[in-house]
Amino acid sequence: MARAGSAGDTRPEPKPEALARELTDLRQMRILLEAILRSTQDAISVVDENGLGLFINPAYTRLTGLTEADVIGKPATIDIAEGESMHLRVLRTRQPVRGARLKVGPQRKDVLVHVAPILVEGKLRGSVAVIHDVSEIRRLTEELDMVKDRLRRPGSKYTFDDIVGESPAMQIAIEQARRVADTPATVLLRGASGTGKELFAHAIHNASRRRHHPLIRVNCLALSESLLESELFGYAEGAFTGASKGGKRGLFQEAHGGTLFLDEIGEMNLTAQAKLLRALQEKEILPVGASTPVSVDVRVIAATNRDLEQAVRTGLFREDLYYRLNVVPIYIPPLRQRLEDIPLLVQAMIRKFNQEFGRNVEACSPEALAALQQYSWPGNVRELENVIGRAMLNAREGQKTLEREHLPAFILAAVGRSGKPALVQGPRAQAAKQPQADSGAATAPVLSLREVRWRAERGALQEALAASGGNRELAAQMLGISLRSLYYKLDRYRLDRLQDV
């Protein structure tokens, strides 16, 4: 049977069952398409070829505040609060529009719009728009910038679990640090260079409620006097020649809510000391060239290997700042005072260098450990790390154990061929036992100035306490120092108990 009204068309008319199935399929496809558009989180609006609203999804309503009753069948300009309707432009030009900025809805929401024409078999049937909330884009951009800033900025990497040491002296320091970590108290880390003061600063910050905020490290010795003040406190626009337009935030502001670690605090100039004192007392800073102070919420951890008491006496360090910083002093012992920790430290360093050097060393031989425990370690843990790294490189690839011969030559020379410690006597005994020129004996290793001073000062403290019968006030008078300095030195040399003297 030919189709009616088409004499030349011999195709059979579709059966009613086929038409019903086709209509059902089309209806299901439309339902599925609408479900997809309604479930998307992007705001979508569709108009027909005449510019009348055809479809919006729930995300569009959430963004603009306009419902289907407000939009469907209405002109495309119904939602425009400021700017030109991109729907009408696309219907007029048949060209897509990307990234148009508009304000839409009763709340004049700032949005970014992408609009494309709907073409069916070359015929324009309308346009579809995807609308983005600019405030959400701005928030995501700020979060991304924050993440990038954190990646650029050295963060807090270490915890108390990373501090290696089971010696009594080290356990005292760790326990003191744990007790004060989650308090707002200012901490002063004292100890020789290379003992791990920065490691303690990281651990204290990570154990505090400020751990989700930045830890900013400043080496006061590395910055010149002219730079230190502007870096710490920032500067206002036009504060000096070459100042950045708009000024610059200081590290106190960068550390807001977190912790500022001031390393080598004893090297800070007096002008910066006065501003630091104000920051600690008033919780505010004054940028260079500014007249209005800025409030800051920063916990300060300071560190020094300098005798601050002597610096106060000579006028190089403010006494009032000293008392502000010395709220919780924590003394980190040098490696020579905790030689029993060397096996643990060596094992941790072997694991680290295995990863860095691609080696598979498992242990250090007893002979090598004995040599390491007989050395005086003027460079402390940092020097030990250097020695283990060199020993790992001296060992043959695939070797499982570090042997005595893998240690650097200066270590073996210092402890002697016999493996017995070459430097074990006090300073007076060393002076009395001078090598004779004609004896033929080998010349004793030369002590570093730091080692000489350490031995001499510790010996003088022992003699003064012995001569005074343990009376610390009398011992301080004999030594010509204050009682406070005596207590600090007794703690430093672990002579704070009479039985240790």
Protein backbone atom coordinates (compact mmCIF):
# COMPACT_ATOMS: atom_id res chain seq x y z
CA MET A 1 0.00 0.00 0.00
CA ALA A 2 1.49 3.33 -1.13
CA ARG A 3 1.80 6.32 1.25
CA ALA A 4 -1.12 8.75 0.69
CA GLY A 5 -0.28 11.91 -1.31
CA SER A 6 3.01 10.53 -2.66
CA ALA A 7 2.30 8.75 -5.93
CA GLY A 8 5.95 7.98 -6.59
CA ASP A 9 6.75 6.77 -3.04
CA THR A 10 6.47 3.00 -2.86
CA ARG A 11 7.69 2.66 0.80
CA PRO A 12 5.10 0.99 3.06
CA GLU A 13 3.55 3.07 5.83
CA PRO A 14 4.94 2.26 9.29
CA LYS A 15 2.80 0.08 11.41
CA PRO A 16 1.10 1.55 14.50
CA GLU A 17 3.17 -0.73 16.77
CA ALA A 18 6.43 0.63 15.29
CA LEU A 19 5.25 4.23 15.71
CA ALA A 20 4.33 3.55 19.34
CA ARG A 21 7.76 2.06 20.06
CA GLU A 22 9.48 5.02 18.40
CA LEU A 23 7.43 7.49 20.43
CA THR A 24 8.17 5.56 23.61
CA ASP A 25 11.91 5.57 22.83
CA LEU A 26 11.83 9.30 22.13
CA ARG A 27 9.95 9.97 25.37
CA GLN A 28 12.44 7.88 27.40
CA MET A 29 15.37 9.61 25.74
CA ARG A 30 13.89 13.02 26.60
CA ILE A 31 13.29 11.94 30.21
CA LEU A 32 16.88 10.67 30.44
CA LEU A 33 18.26 13.86 28.90
CA GLU A 34 16.29 16.07 31.30
CA ALA A 35 17.41 13.94 34.26
CA ILE A 36 21.03 14.40 33.23
CA LEU A 37 20.65 18.18 32.83
CA ARG A 38 18.82 18.46 36.17
CA SER A 39 21.43 16.47 38.07
CA THR A 40 24.48 18.41 36.84
CA GLN A 41 26.02 20.93 39.25
CA ASP A 42 26.51 23.48 36.45
CA ALA A 43 23.69 25.99 35.99
CA ILE A 44 22.08 25.49 32.54
CA SER A 45 19.49 27.51 30.67
CA VAL A 46 18.02 26.78 27.21
CA VAL A 47 15.98 29.11 24.96
CA ASP A 48 14.23 28.38 21.66
CA GLU A 49 14.90 30.02 18.30
CA ASN A 50 12.70 32.96 19.30
CA GLY A 51 14.66 33.64 22.48
CA LEU A 52 12.00 32.34 24.85
CA GLY A 53 12.91 30.27 27.89
CA LEU A 54 12.67 26.55 27.20
CA PHE A 55 14.48 24.79 30.08
CA ILE A 56 16.42 25.52 33.28
CA ASN A 57 17.86 23.11 35.82
CA PRO A 58 17.88 23.26 39.65
CA ALA A 59 21.48 24.52 39.70
CA TYR A 60 20.32 27.55 37.68
CA THR A 61 17.62 28.27 40.27
CA ARG A 62 20.12 27.96 43.14
CA LEU A 63 22.48 30.37 41.42
CA THR A 64 20.07 33.05 40.15
CA GLY A 65 17.11 32.65 42.51
CA LEU A 66 14.73 32.39 39.48
CA THR A 67 12.31 29.47 39.15
CA GLU A 68 10.79 27.79 36.08
CA ALA A 69 7.67 29.97 36.48
CA ASP A 70 9.90 33.05 36.23
CA VAL A 71 11.83 31.90 33.14
CA ILE A 72 9.99 29.33 30.96
CA GLY A 73 8.25 31.02 28.04
CA LYS A 74 9.74 34.41 29.02
CA PRO A 75 12.27 36.46 26.98
CA ALA A 76 15.95 35.55 27.40
CA THR A 77 16.57 38.95 29.01
CA ILE A 78 14.43 38.06 32.04
CA ASP A 79 17.43 37.02 34.15
CA ILE A 80 19.86 39.79 33.09
CA ALA A 81 20.58 42.32 35.84
CA GLU A 82 23.57 43.89 34.09
CA GLY A 83 24.97 43.32 30.60
CA GLU A 84 23.72 41.93 27.28
CA SER A 85 21.85 38.64 26.90
CA MET A 86 24.29 36.16 25.39
CA HIS A 87 21.38 33.98 24.26
CA LEU A 88 20.17 36.76 21.96
CA ARG A 89 23.68 37.41 20.65
CA VAL A 90 24.16 33.74 19.77
CA LEU A 91 20.72 33.56 18.10
CA ARG A 92 21.65 36.61 16.09
CA THR A 93 25.20 35.58 15.05
CA ARG A 94 24.91 31.75 15.22
CA GLN A 95 28.40 31.86 16.82
CA PRO A 96 29.23 30.56 20.31
CA VAL A 97 30.27 32.93 23.12
CA ARG A 98 32.77 31.95 25.83
CA GLY A 99 33.68 33.62 29.12
CA ALA A 100 31.18 36.49 29.09
CA ARG A 101 30.88 38.33 32.46
CA LEU A 102 27.30 39.25 33.49
CA LYS A 103 25.24 39.93 36.57
CA VAL A 104 22.07 37.84 36.82
CA GLY A 105 19.03 37.44 39.05
CA PRO A 106 17.58 39.59 41.82
CA GLN A 107 20.80 39.25 43.83
CA ARG A 108 22.90 40.48 40.87
CA LYS A 109 25.15 37.44 41.04
CA ASP A 110 28.46 37.91 39.24
CA VAL A 111 28.67 35.03 36.72
CA LEU A 112 30.74 33.70 33.84
CA VAL A 113 28.66 32.44 30.86
CA HIS A 114 29.43 30.07 27.97
CA VAL A 115 26.67 29.96 25.30
CA ALA A 116 26.43 27.82 22.14
CA PRO A 117 23.82 27.64 19.34
CA ILE A 118 21.63 24.52 18.99
CA LEU A 119 21.76 23.45 15.33
CA VAL A 120 19.60 20.56 14.07
CA GLU A 121 20.36 19.52 10.48
CA GLY A 122 21.74 23.00 9.88
CA LYS A 123 18.67 24.77 11.23
CA LEU A 124 18.94 27.03 14.31
CA ARG A 125 16.62 25.69 17.02
CA GLY A 126 17.77 27.76 19.99
CA SER A 127 20.81 28.17 22.29
CA VAL A 128 22.12 26.61 25.49
CA ALA A 129 24.08 28.42 28.22
CA VAL A 130 26.30 27.07 31.01
CA ILE A 131 26.63 29.58 33.86
CA HIS A 132 29.38 29.61 36.53
CA ASP A 133 29.36 31.53 39.81
CA VAL A 134 32.41 33.83 39.76
CA SER A 135 32.55 33.93 43.57
CA GLU A 136 32.97 30.13 43.59
CA ILE A 137 35.69 30.38 40.94
CA ARG A 138 37.39 33.04 43.05
CA ARG A 139 37.22 30.81 46.14
CA LEU A 140 38.71 27.84 44.29
CA THR A 141 41.45 30.07 42.87
CA GLU A 142 42.32 31.34 46.34
CA GLU A 143 42.46 27.76 47.64
CA LEU A 144 44.75 26.81 44.76
CA ASP A 145 47.00 29.79 45.45
CA MET A 146 47.12 28.80 49.12
CA VAL A 147 48.14 25.25 48.23
CA LYS A 148 50.81 26.54 45.83
CA ASP A 149 52.10 28.89 48.54
CA ARG A 150 52.34 26.02 51.01
CA LEU A 151 54.22 23.93 48.46
CA ARG A 152 56.68 26.77 47.86
CA ARG A 153 57.08 27.48 51.56
CA PRO A 154 59.09 25.03 53.65
CA GLY A 155 56.63 23.49 56.05
CA SER A 156 56.92 21.61 59.30
CA LYS A 157 58.32 18.21 58.43
CA TYR A 158 59.35 16.60 61.72
CA THR A 159 57.62 15.31 64.84
CA PHE A 160 58.90 14.04 68.19
CA ASP A 161 59.03 10.56 66.64
CA ASP A 162 61.83 11.83 64.39
CA ILE A 163 64.02 12.84 67.34
CA VAL A 164 66.46 9.99 67.99
CA GLY A 165 67.83 9.65 71.49
CA GLU A 166 67.39 7.48 74.58
CA SER A 167 70.11 9.01 76.74
CA PRO A 168 68.95 10.68 79.98
CA ALA A 169 70.07 14.14 78.80
CA MET A 170 68.13 13.85 75.55
CA GLN A 171 65.06 12.41 77.23
CA ILE A 172 64.96 15.41 79.59
CA ALA A 173 65.01 17.80 76.61
CA ILE A 174 62.31 15.84 74.75
CA GLU A 175 60.08 15.69 77.83
CA GLN A 176 60.43 19.45 78.41
CA ALA A 177 59.53 20.13 74.78
CA ARG A 178 56.51 17.81 74.86
CA ARG A 179 55.16 19.49 78.00
CA VAL A 180 55.18 22.98 76.52
CA ALA A 181 54.34 22.12 72.89
CA ASP A 182 50.60 22.75 73.14
CA THR A 183 50.92 25.94 75.18
CA PRO A 184 51.37 29.49 73.88
CA ALA A 185 54.63 29.87 75.83
CA THR A 186 57.71 31.24 74.08
CA VAL A 187 60.45 28.59 73.88
CA LEU A 188 64.21 29.23 73.84
CA LEU A 189 66.20 26.30 72.43
CA ARG A 190 69.80 26.35 73.60
CA GLY A 191 72.66 24.19 72.46
CA ALA A 192 75.69 24.05 70.22
CA SER A 193 75.44 24.20 66.46
CA GLY A 194 74.38 20.89 64.92
CA THR A 195 72.58 19.50 67.96
CA GLY A 196 69.13 19.56 66.34
CA LYS A 197 67.48 22.78 67.51
CA GLU A 198 65.50 23.13 64.28
CA LEU A 199 64.30 19.54 64.61
CA PHE A 200 62.93 20.40 68.06
CA ALA A 201 61.23 23.54 66.68
CA HIS A 202 59.43 21.46 64.02
CA ALA A 203 58.38 18.86 66.58
CA ILE A 204 57.02 21.47 69.01
CA HIS A 205 55.04 23.17 66.23
CA ASN A 206 53.62 19.86 64.98
CA ALA A 207 52.50 18.90 68.50
CA SER A 208 50.74 22.23 69.04
CA ARG A 209 47.26 23.44 68.08
CA ARG A 210 49.00 25.70 65.53
CA ARG A 211 50.16 22.75 63.44
CA HIS A 212 47.65 23.49 60.65
CA HIS A 213 49.14 26.95 60.21
CA PRO A 214 52.58 27.82 58.83
CA LEU A 215 55.93 27.36 60.52
CA ILE A 216 58.23 30.10 59.23
CA ARG A 217 61.99 29.78 59.81
CA VAL A 218 64.26 32.82 59.95
CA ASN A 219 68.04 32.61 60.30
CA CYS A 220 68.91 35.93 61.94
CA LEU A 221 72.59 35.43 61.12
CA ALA A 222 71.95 34.93 57.39
CA LEU A 223 70.18 38.29 56.97
CA SER A 224 72.03 41.60 57.11
CA GLU A 225 70.98 44.17 59.70
CA SER A 226 69.29 46.28 57.02
CA LEU A 227 67.30 43.33 55.66
CA LEU A 228 66.37 41.58 58.90
CA GLU A 229 63.95 44.26 60.11
CA SER A 230 62.07 44.59 56.81
CA GLU A 231 61.91 40.81 56.37
CA LEU A 232 60.54 40.22 59.86
CA PHE A 233 58.10 43.11 60.10
CA GLY A 234 57.47 44.05 56.46
CA TYR A 235 57.40 47.59 55.11
CA ALA A 236 54.92 50.17 53.88
CA GLU A 237 54.81 51.51 50.33
CA GLY A 238 57.54 54.10 49.79
CA ALA A 239 59.33 53.18 53.02
CA PHE A 240 62.68 53.31 51.22
CA THR A 241 64.15 53.50 47.73
CA GLY A 242 63.35 50.33 45.81
CA ALA A 243 60.46 49.31 48.06
CA SER A 244 57.81 47.28 46.25
CA LYS A 245 54.63 49.07 45.25
CA GLY A 246 51.96 48.44 47.85
CA GLY A 247 54.58 47.46 50.46
CA LYS A 248 55.40 43.96 51.63
CA ARG A 249 54.07 41.65 54.32
CA GLY A 250 56.67 40.61 56.86
CA LEU A 251 57.35 37.10 58.08
CA PHE A 252 55.40 37.80 61.28
CA GLN A 253 52.31 38.36 59.12
CA GLU A 254 53.11 35.30 56.99
CA ALA A 255 53.26 33.22 60.18
CA HIS A 256 49.94 34.58 61.51
CA GLY A 257 48.15 31.80 63.40
CA GLY A 258 51.28 29.66 63.30
CA THR A 259 54.85 29.63 64.60
CA LEU A 260 57.88 31.80 63.86
CA PHE A 261 61.21 30.04 64.45
CA LEU A 262 63.97 32.60 65.03
CA ASP A 263 67.27 30.76 64.67
CA GLU A 264 70.50 32.41 65.83
CA ILE A 265 68.47 34.93 67.87
CA GLY A 266 71.64 36.09 69.61
CA GLU A 267 72.82 37.72 66.36
CA MET A 268 69.82 40.06 66.05
CA ASN A 269 70.63 43.78 66.09
CA LEU A 270 69.31 46.02 68.86
CA THR A 271 66.75 47.83 66.66
CA ALA A 272 65.15 44.57 65.59
CA GLN A 273 65.31 43.36 69.22
CA ALA A 274 63.19 46.33 70.31
CA LYS A 275 60.55 45.57 67.67
CA LEU A 276 60.59 41.87 68.55
CA LEU A 277 60.02 42.76 72.20
CA ARG A 278 56.96 44.80 71.20
CA ALA A 279 55.64 41.91 69.10
CA LEU A 280 55.98 39.54 72.06
CA GLN A 281 54.47 41.96 74.58
CA GLU A 282 51.74 43.69 72.59
CA LYS A 283 51.01 41.03 69.93
CA GLU A 284 51.48 43.65 67.22
CA ILE A 285 54.19 44.76 64.82
CA LEU A 286 55.03 48.07 63.13
CA PRO A 287 56.14 47.64 59.49
CA VAL A 288 59.08 49.77 58.38
CA GLY A 289 57.82 53.19 57.29
CA ALA A 290 54.30 52.59 58.64
CA SER A 291 52.52 54.58 61.32
CA THR A 292 49.77 52.07 62.15
CA PRO A 293 50.63 48.84 63.99
CA VAL A 294 49.40 45.46 62.72
CA SER A 295 48.04 42.83 65.10
CA VAL A 296 49.61 39.37 64.79
CA ASP A 297 48.94 36.01 66.42
CA VAL A 298 52.28 34.23 66.34
CA ARG A 299 54.03 31.82 68.70
CA VAL A 300 57.80 32.41 68.79
CA ILE A 301 60.39 29.67 69.16
CA ALA A 302 63.92 31.07 69.37
CA ALA A 303 67.24 29.25 69.22
CA THR A 304 70.83 30.19 69.94
CA ASN A 305 74.24 28.69 70.57
CA ARG A 306 75.44 31.99 72.03
CA ASP A 307 75.88 32.81 75.72
CA LEU A 308 72.95 35.24 75.98
CA GLU A 309 73.76 36.06 79.60
CA GLN A 310 77.19 37.32 78.56
CA ALA A 311 75.60 39.23 75.66
CA VAL A 312 73.22 40.92 78.13
CA ARG A 313 76.13 41.90 80.38
CA THR A 314 78.04 43.43 77.47
CA GLY A 315 74.98 45.31 76.17
CA LEU A 316 74.70 43.33 72.93
CA PHE A 317 71.35 41.81 73.88
CA ARG A 318 68.42 43.51 75.59
CA GLU A 319 67.81 42.23 79.11
CA ASP A 320 64.03 42.71 78.86
CA LEU A 321 63.94 40.70 75.61
CA TYR A 322 66.10 38.01 77.23
CA TYR A 323 63.47 37.50 79.96
CA ARG A 324 60.66 37.46 77.36
CA LEU A 325 62.41 34.75 75.33
CA ASN A 326 63.73 32.70 78.23
CA VAL A 327 60.26 31.67 79.42
CA VAL A 328 60.86 27.99 78.67
CA PRO A 329 64.57 27.32 78.09
CA ILE A 330 65.31 23.86 76.69
CA TYR A 331 68.93 22.74 76.62
CA ILE A 332 69.77 20.27 73.84
CA PRO A 333 72.92 18.38 74.82
CA PRO A 334 75.87 18.06 72.43
CA LEU A 335 76.62 14.63 71.01
CA ARG A 336 79.67 14.14 73.25
CA GLN A 337 77.31 14.18 76.26
CA ARG A 338 75.10 11.43 74.83
CA LEU A 339 77.48 9.03 73.14
CA GLU A 340 75.13 6.15 74.01
CA ASP A 341 72.73 7.53 71.37
CA ILE A 342 75.22 7.06 68.54
CA PRO A 343 74.13 3.49 67.59
CA LEU A 344 70.50 4.66 67.24
CA LEU A 345 71.51 7.77 65.28
CA VAL A 346 73.76 5.76 62.97
CA GLN A 347 70.99 3.26 62.20
CA ALA A 348 68.56 6.08 61.36
CA MET A 349 71.16 7.72 59.11
CA ILE A 350 71.88 4.43 57.34
CA ARG A 351 68.18 4.12 56.47
CA LYS A 352 68.15 7.68 55.16
CA PHE A 353 71.28 7.29 53.01
CA ASN A 354 70.13 3.90 51.69
CA GLN A 355 67.22 5.75 50.07
CA GLU A 356 69.34 8.66 48.84
CA PHE A 357 72.29 6.64 47.52
CA GLY A 358 70.44 3.50 46.42
CA ARG A 359 72.46 1.32 48.80
CA ASN A 360 71.44 -1.67 50.92
CA VAL A 361 73.59 -1.27 54.04
CA GLU A 362 72.06 -2.96 57.07
CA ALA A 363 74.31 -2.11 60.01
CA CYS A 364 77.53 -0.65 61.36
CA SER A 365 80.14 -3.04 62.73
CA PRO A 366 80.93 -3.00 66.48
CA GLU A 367 84.49 -1.81 65.72
CA ALA A 368 83.21 1.12 63.67
CA LEU A 369 80.66 2.03 66.34
CA ALA A 370 83.37 1.91 69.00
CA ALA A 371 85.47 4.36 67.00
CA LEU A 372 82.49 6.68 66.55
CA GLN A 373 81.78 6.62 70.30
CA GLN A 374 85.39 7.54 71.08
CA TYR A 375 85.37 10.72 68.99
CA SER A 376 84.61 14.12 70.58
CA TRP A 377 82.14 15.34 67.87
CA PRO A 378 82.68 19.12 67.84
CA GLY A 379 80.16 19.35 64.97
CA ASN A 380 77.59 17.25 66.85
CA VAL A 381 74.83 15.31 65.04
CA ARG A 382 75.37 17.27 61.82
CA GLU A 383 79.01 16.10 61.75
CA LEU A 384 77.98 12.50 62.49
CA GLU A 385 75.56 12.62 59.55
CA ASN A 386 78.39 13.83 57.31
CA VAL A 387 80.67 11.02 58.52
CA ILE A 388 78.05 8.29 57.94
CA GLY A 389 77.29 9.63 54.47
CA ARG A 390 80.99 9.49 53.58
CA ALA A 391 81.32 6.00 55.05
CA MET A 392 78.36 4.79 52.96
CA LEU A 393 80.08 6.09 49.82
CA ASN A 394 83.41 4.55 50.85
CA ALA A 395 81.80 1.11 51.20
CA ARG A 396 81.62 -1.12 48.15
CA GLU A 397 78.27 -1.32 46.41
CA GLY A 398 76.31 -4.27 47.78
CA GLN A 399 78.22 -4.32 51.08
CA LYS A 400 75.85 -4.87 54.00
CA THR A 401 77.97 -3.59 56.90
CA LEU A 402 79.92 -0.37 57.46
CA GLU A 403 83.37 -1.29 58.73
CA ARG A 404 85.95 0.74 60.65
CA GLU A 405 88.05 1.30 57.51
CA HIS A 406 85.11 2.98 55.79
CA LEU A 407 85.17 5.85 58.29
CA PRO A 408 86.95 9.08 57.23
CA ALA A 409 90.65 9.23 58.03
CA PHE A 410 90.32 12.11 60.51
CA ILE A 411 88.05 9.99 62.73
CA LEU A 412 90.55 7.11 62.81
CA ALA A 413 93.42 9.52 63.45
CA ALA A 414 91.57 11.15 66.35
CA VAL A 415 90.74 7.91 68.16
CA GLY A 416 94.10 6.28 67.48
CA ARG A 417 95.09 2.96 66.01
CA SER A 418 94.30 1.04 69.18
CA GLY A 419 90.71 2.14 69.10
CA LYS A 420 91.09 3.75 72.53
CA PRO A 421 90.00 7.37 72.87
CA ALA A 422 92.85 9.79 72.27
CA LEU A 423 91.15 12.67 74.13
CA VAL A 424 89.80 11.54 77.45
CA GLN A 425 91.64 13.58 80.09
CA GLY A 426 90.83 16.95 81.63
CA PRO A 427 92.55 20.12 80.48
CA ARG A 428 95.06 20.23 83.34
CA ALA A 429 96.16 16.65 82.76
CA GLN A 430 96.50 17.37 79.06
CA ALA A 431 98.67 20.42 79.77
CA ALA A 432 100.87 18.50 82.21
CA LYS A 433 101.41 15.70 79.70
CA GLN A 434 103.22 17.64 76.96
CA PRO A 435 105.03 15.48 74.40
CA GLN A 436 108.84 15.63 74.75
CA ALA A 437 110.74 16.60 71.65
CA ASP A 438 113.26 13.78 72.06
CA SER A 439 110.89 11.07 73.26
CA GLY A 440 110.00 9.82 69.79
CA ALA A 441 106.34 9.64 70.80
CA ALA A 442 103.65 10.62 68.30
CA THR A 443 102.26 14.14 68.68
CA ALA A 444 98.80 14.20 70.29
CA PRO A 445 95.95 15.40 68.06
CA VAL A 446 95.30 19.15 68.26
CA LEU A 447 92.14 20.07 70.11
CA SER A 448 89.67 22.46 68.52
CA LEU A 449 89.15 25.77 70.32
CA ARG A 450 85.59 24.74 71.11
CA GLU A 451 86.82 21.51 72.72
CA VAL A 452 89.50 23.35 74.70
CA ARG A 453 86.96 25.87 75.99
CA TRP A 454 84.46 23.13 76.87
CA ARG A 455 87.03 21.11 78.81
CA ALA A 456 88.46 24.16 80.57
CA GLU A 457 85.07 25.58 81.59
CA ARG A 458 83.75 22.25 82.81
CA GLY A 459 86.97 21.67 84.80
CA ALA A 460 86.77 25.13 86.37
CA LEU A 461 83.16 24.51 87.43
CA GLN A 462 84.11 21.20 89.01
CA GLU A 463 87.01 22.74 90.92
CA ALA A 464 84.92 25.70 92.16
CA LEU A 465 82.13 23.43 93.39
CA ALA A 466 84.63 21.12 95.08
CA ALA A 467 86.43 24.06 96.73
CA SER A 468 83.13 25.58 97.95
CA GLY A 469 81.85 22.29 99.26
CA GLY A 470 78.93 22.38 96.85
CA ASN A 471 77.84 25.92 97.84
CA ARG A 472 76.68 27.30 94.50
CA GLU A 473 76.52 30.94 95.61
CA LEU A 474 80.10 30.78 96.86
CA ALA A 475 81.20 28.93 93.70
CA ALA A 476 79.67 31.67 91.54
CA GLN A 477 81.58 34.33 93.53
CA MET A 478 84.83 32.39 93.12
CA LEU A 479 84.30 32.16 89.36
CA GLY A 480 83.26 35.82 89.04
CA ILE A 481 79.89 35.06 87.44
CA SER A 482 76.27 35.56 88.46
CA LEU A 483 74.38 32.79 90.24
CA ARG A 484 71.99 32.62 87.25
CA SER A 485 74.92 32.04 84.86
CA LEU A 486 76.31 29.37 87.17
CA TYR A 487 73.01 27.45 87.14
CA TYR A 488 72.88 27.69 83.35
CA LYS A 489 76.43 26.36 83.00
CA LEU A 490 75.80 23.56 85.48
CA ASP A 491 72.82 22.51 83.40
CA ARG A 492 74.79 22.88 80.18
CA TYR A 493 77.64 20.65 81.42
CA ARG A 494 75.28 18.28 83.24
CA LEU A 495 76.81 19.17 86.61
CA ASP A 496 73.50 20.18 88.17
CA ARG A 497 73.72 17.40 90.76
CA LEU A 498 76.41 17.29 93.46
CA GLN A 499 77.13 13.62 92.79
CA ASP A 500 78.06 14.57 89.21
CA VAL A 501 80.82 16.90 90.38
